[in-house]
Amino acid sequence: MTLFTLDDGQQAQKVNIKLEILAMMTVMSLLPAMLLMMTSFTRIIIVLVILRQALGLQQSPPNKVLIGIALVLSMFIMQPVGKEIYQKAYLPYDQGQIELPQAIAIAEQPLRHFMLAQTRETDLEQMLKIAQEPLTLTQEQIPFFVILPAYVLSELKTAFQIGFLLYLPFLVIDLVVASVLMSMGMMMLSPLIISLPFKLLIFVLADGWSMTVSTLTASFG
């Protein structure tokens, strides 16, 4: 009877270990996406995708290229935050001066300040209400799980605002080309085919990539 109970205990322990491994693998698979959501990646990739659609290009540049550009720009923009985390959290932890929980708490502060600087007060208040947290909390008292969704929501709004401003000039070109084609009686010809070379030419002559990158970088200033 004792052996039977011991076997049951061992089986239960094995099941618990498997569940812990499964939970750890799930967290590890979601961790890169969660880390990207805490950076400037969301705003940049959305603006780049909208820009591609505004130019009338469906698959050029490819998604992998856009993701690569967004990652490089994100690393450039997040460099001060990463440097602060490295100096204040990682190095002391690596040298054995602080424990892991303390290192995580220290590393959270630069990210918290970065996200709060880019988060609208209305979005922050909305998330505080949803989380049933008091609106009188100071920035240091606001839980991190409230700051993150508020930051993501603000990033989506900002990205669409920048994308709208980028879309307008190309929309004007499409309207002008469509009007010219209609006046010439060429209604069966798609305006997108004619306007695409003009949009590409204007974008290149105006140094559009440099303007887009500088605008995105300055938007985090």
Protein backbone atom coordinates (compact mmCIF):
# COMPACT_ATOMS: atom_id res chain seq x y z
CA MET A 1 0.00 0.00 0.00
CA THR A 2 2.88 2.32 0.81
CA LEU A 3 4.57 1.55 -2.50
CA PHE A 4 1.35 2.27 -4.38
CA THR A 5 1.03 5.64 -2.65
CA LEU A 6 4.67 6.42 -3.44
CA ASP A 7 4.11 5.61 -7.11
CA ASP A 8 1.10 7.91 -7.21
CA GLY A 9 3.16 10.66 -5.63
CA GLN A 10 5.95 10.20 -8.14
CA GLN A 11 3.50 10.27 -11.03
CA ALA A 12 1.91 13.45 -9.69
CA GLN A 13 5.36 15.00 -9.32
CA LYS A 14 6.21 14.11 -12.92
CA VAL A 15 2.94 15.65 -14.12
CA ASN A 16 3.68 18.83 -12.19
CA ILE A 17 7.16 19.03 -13.71
CA LYS A 18 5.72 18.60 -17.20
CA LEU A 19 3.14 21.33 -16.56
CA GLU A 20 5.86 23.65 -15.28
CA ILE A 21 7.95 23.00 -18.39
CA LEU A 22 4.91 23.62 -20.61
CA ALA A 23 4.12 26.87 -18.82
CA MET A 24 7.75 27.98 -19.07
CA MET A 25 7.86 27.22 -22.81
CA THR A 26 4.63 29.17 -23.32
CA VAL A 27 6.01 32.18 -21.47
CA MET A 28 9.30 32.00 -23.38
CA SER A 29 7.46 31.90 -26.72
CA LEU A 30 5.41 34.99 -25.81
CA LEU A 31 8.29 36.88 -24.21
CA PRO A 32 9.81 38.32 -27.44
CA ALA A 33 6.45 39.71 -28.54
CA MET A 34 5.84 41.22 -25.11
CA LEU A 35 9.29 42.81 -25.10
CA LEU A 36 8.68 44.31 -28.55
CA MET A 37 5.40 45.79 -27.32
CA MET A 38 7.39 47.72 -24.68
CA THR A 39 9.57 49.37 -27.32
CA SER A 40 9.06 51.68 -30.28
CA PHE A 41 8.57 48.71 -32.64
CA THR A 42 4.76 48.89 -32.78
CA ARG A 43 4.62 52.49 -33.98
CA ILE A 44 7.39 52.04 -36.53
CA ILE A 45 6.11 48.85 -38.18
CA ILE A 46 2.56 50.21 -38.51
CA VAL A 47 3.79 53.44 -40.13
CA LEU A 48 5.99 51.51 -42.56
CA VAL A 49 3.13 49.22 -43.59
CA ILE A 50 0.80 52.20 -44.12
CA LEU A 51 3.51 53.92 -46.19
CA ARG A 52 3.83 50.86 -48.41
CA GLN A 53 0.07 50.81 -48.96
CA ALA A 54 0.03 54.55 -49.68
CA LEU A 55 2.65 54.06 -52.39
CA GLY A 56 0.46 51.39 -53.94
CA LEU A 57 3.05 48.64 -53.46
CA GLN A 58 1.61 45.35 -52.26
CA GLN A 59 4.71 43.25 -51.58
CA SER A 60 7.63 45.65 -51.93
CA PRO A 61 9.43 46.11 -49.64
CA PRO A 62 8.65 42.61 -48.32
CA ASN A 63 7.37 42.13 -44.79
CA LYS A 64 10.72 40.75 -43.64
CA VAL A 65 12.48 43.90 -44.85
CA LEU A 66 9.98 46.15 -43.07
CA ILE A 67 10.34 44.14 -39.87
CA GLY A 68 14.13 44.39 -40.17
CA ILE A 69 13.96 48.17 -40.63
CA ALA A 70 11.60 48.46 -37.66
CA LEU A 71 13.91 46.36 -35.48
CA VAL A 72 16.99 48.41 -36.41
CA LEU A 73 15.19 51.71 -35.74
CA SER A 74 13.79 50.33 -32.48
CA MET A 75 17.27 49.37 -31.29
CA PHE A 76 18.51 52.85 -32.21
CA ILE A 77 15.66 54.61 -30.40
CA MET A 78 15.77 52.31 -27.36
CA GLN A 79 19.56 52.53 -27.02
CA PRO A 80 19.51 54.99 -24.06
CA VAL A 81 16.99 52.80 -22.24
CA GLY A 82 18.97 49.64 -22.92
CA LYS A 83 22.19 51.30 -21.81
CA GLU A 84 20.62 52.37 -18.53
CA ILE A 85 19.24 48.88 -17.91
CA TYR A 86 22.64 47.36 -18.67
CA GLN A 87 24.54 49.67 -16.33
CA LYS A 88 22.09 49.81 -13.44
CA ALA A 89 20.53 46.35 -13.50
CA TYR A 90 22.54 43.80 -15.49
CA LEU A 91 26.07 44.70 -14.41
CA PRO A 92 25.29 44.72 -10.65
CA TYR A 93 23.40 41.44 -11.02
CA ASP A 94 26.22 39.89 -13.07
CA GLN A 95 28.74 40.94 -10.42
CA GLY A 96 26.61 39.44 -7.65
CA GLN A 97 25.83 42.78 -6.01
CA ILE A 98 22.04 42.38 -6.28
CA GLU A 99 19.58 39.50 -6.59
CA LEU A 100 17.43 38.73 -9.64
CA PRO A 101 14.15 40.23 -8.27
CA GLN A 102 15.95 43.47 -7.43
CA ALA A 103 17.57 43.54 -10.88
CA ILE A 104 14.16 43.11 -12.53
CA ALA A 105 12.71 45.94 -10.43
CA ILE A 106 15.60 48.23 -11.38
CA ALA A 107 15.34 47.30 -15.07
CA GLU A 108 11.62 48.09 -14.99
CA GLN A 109 12.19 51.76 -14.13
CA PRO A 110 13.75 52.94 -17.44
CA LEU A 111 11.06 51.10 -19.42
CA ARG A 112 8.38 52.59 -17.19
CA HIS A 113 9.68 56.14 -17.74
CA PHE A 114 9.98 55.60 -21.50
CA MET A 115 6.46 54.23 -21.86
CA LEU A 116 4.88 56.85 -19.62
CA ALA A 117 6.54 59.61 -21.66
CA GLN A 118 4.82 58.26 -24.80
CA THR A 119 1.46 57.43 -23.20
CA ARG A 120 -1.51 59.78 -23.38
CA GLU A 121 -3.15 60.68 -20.09
CA THR A 122 -6.58 59.73 -21.44
CA ASP A 123 -5.38 56.22 -22.32
CA LEU A 124 -3.73 55.85 -18.93
CA GLU A 125 -6.88 56.96 -17.12
CA GLN A 126 -8.96 54.57 -19.21
CA MET A 127 -6.77 51.61 -18.28
CA LEU A 128 -6.78 52.64 -14.62
CA LYS A 129 -10.59 52.61 -14.69
CA ILE A 130 -10.66 49.21 -16.40
CA ALA A 131 -8.22 47.82 -13.81
CA GLN A 132 -10.31 49.46 -11.05
CA GLU A 133 -7.28 51.35 -9.78
CA PRO A 134 -7.58 54.84 -8.22
CA LEU A 135 -6.95 57.71 -10.63
CA THR A 136 -4.96 59.56 -7.97
CA LEU A 137 -1.97 57.22 -8.24
CA THR A 138 1.36 58.83 -9.04
CA GLN A 139 3.45 57.60 -11.97
CA GLU A 140 5.63 55.57 -9.63
CA GLN A 141 2.58 53.92 -8.06
CA ILE A 142 0.85 52.91 -11.30
CA PRO A 143 1.16 49.12 -11.81
CA PHE A 144 3.21 48.00 -14.79
CA PHE A 145 0.33 45.87 -16.10
CA VAL A 146 -1.69 49.09 -16.43
CA ILE A 147 1.06 51.09 -18.11
CA LEU A 148 1.73 48.50 -20.82
CA PRO A 149 -1.76 48.37 -22.43
CA ALA A 150 -2.11 52.15 -22.11
CA TYR A 151 1.23 52.56 -23.88
CA VAL A 152 0.26 50.14 -26.66
CA LEU A 153 -3.05 51.96 -27.18
CA SER A 154 -1.27 55.30 -27.41
CA GLU A 155 1.26 53.85 -29.84
CA LEU A 156 -1.54 52.64 -32.12
CA LYS A 157 -3.15 56.08 -32.14
CA THR A 158 0.13 57.85 -32.84
CA ALA A 159 1.05 55.40 -35.59
CA PHE A 160 -2.27 55.92 -37.38
CA GLN A 161 -1.94 59.69 -37.07
CA ILE A 162 1.51 59.63 -38.68
CA GLY A 163 0.26 57.17 -41.29
CA PHE A 164 -2.65 59.47 -42.16
CA LEU A 165 -0.29 62.39 -42.75
CA LEU A 166 1.91 60.21 -44.94
CA TYR A 167 -1.09 58.95 -46.90
CA LEU A 168 -2.48 62.39 -47.86
CA PRO A 169 0.09 63.40 -50.55
CA PHE A 170 -0.22 60.06 -52.32
CA LEU A 171 -4.02 60.25 -52.12
CA VAL A 172 -3.89 63.63 -53.88
CA ILE A 173 -1.77 62.11 -56.66
CA ASP A 174 -4.30 59.28 -57.09
CA LEU A 175 -7.19 61.78 -57.30
CA VAL A 176 -5.38 63.96 -59.85
CA VAL A 177 -4.50 60.98 -62.04
CA ALA A 178 -8.06 59.62 -61.80
CA SER A 179 -9.49 63.03 -62.79
CA VAL A 180 -7.14 63.29 -65.80
CA LEU A 181 -8.02 59.79 -66.98
CA MET A 182 -11.75 60.48 -66.67
CA SER A 183 -11.41 63.74 -68.62
CA MET A 184 -9.61 61.82 -71.39
CA GLY A 185 -12.33 59.17 -71.45
CA MET A 186 -9.96 56.43 -70.26
CA MET A 187 -12.23 55.19 -67.49
CA MET A 188 -11.38 51.54 -68.09
CA LEU A 189 -7.72 52.12 -67.22
CA SER A 190 -6.89 51.76 -63.53
CA PRO A 191 -5.55 55.02 -62.04
CA LEU A 192 -3.23 53.03 -59.77
CA ILE A 193 -1.23 51.79 -62.75
CA ILE A 194 -0.56 55.35 -63.94
CA SER A 195 -0.10 56.97 -60.53
CA LEU A 196 2.38 54.40 -59.19
CA PRO A 197 5.41 55.65 -61.19
CA PHE A 198 4.62 59.27 -60.25
CA LYS A 199 4.32 58.40 -56.57
CA LEU A 200 7.60 56.51 -56.62
CA LEU A 201 9.33 59.37 -58.46
CA ILE A 202 8.08 62.01 -56.02
CA PHE A 203 8.92 59.82 -53.03
CA VAL A 204 12.49 59.30 -54.26
CA LEU A 205 13.03 62.96 -55.24
CA ALA A 206 11.74 64.12 -51.86
CA ASP A 207 14.10 61.68 -50.10
CA GLY A 208 11.05 60.01 -48.59
CA TRP A 209 12.86 57.29 -46.66
CA SER A 210 15.07 59.77 -44.82
CA MET A 211 12.07 61.97 -44.03
CA THR A 212 10.08 59.00 -42.76
CA VAL A 213 12.91 57.71 -40.57
CA SER A 214 13.67 61.17 -39.17
CA THR A 215 9.97 61.78 -38.46
CA LEU A 216 9.61 58.46 -36.65
CA THR A 217 12.77 59.05 -34.63
CA ALA A 218 11.77 62.61 -33.71
CA SER A 219 8.30 61.45 -32.64
CA PHE A 220 9.92 59.71 -29.65
CA GLY A 221 11.86 62.80 -28.61
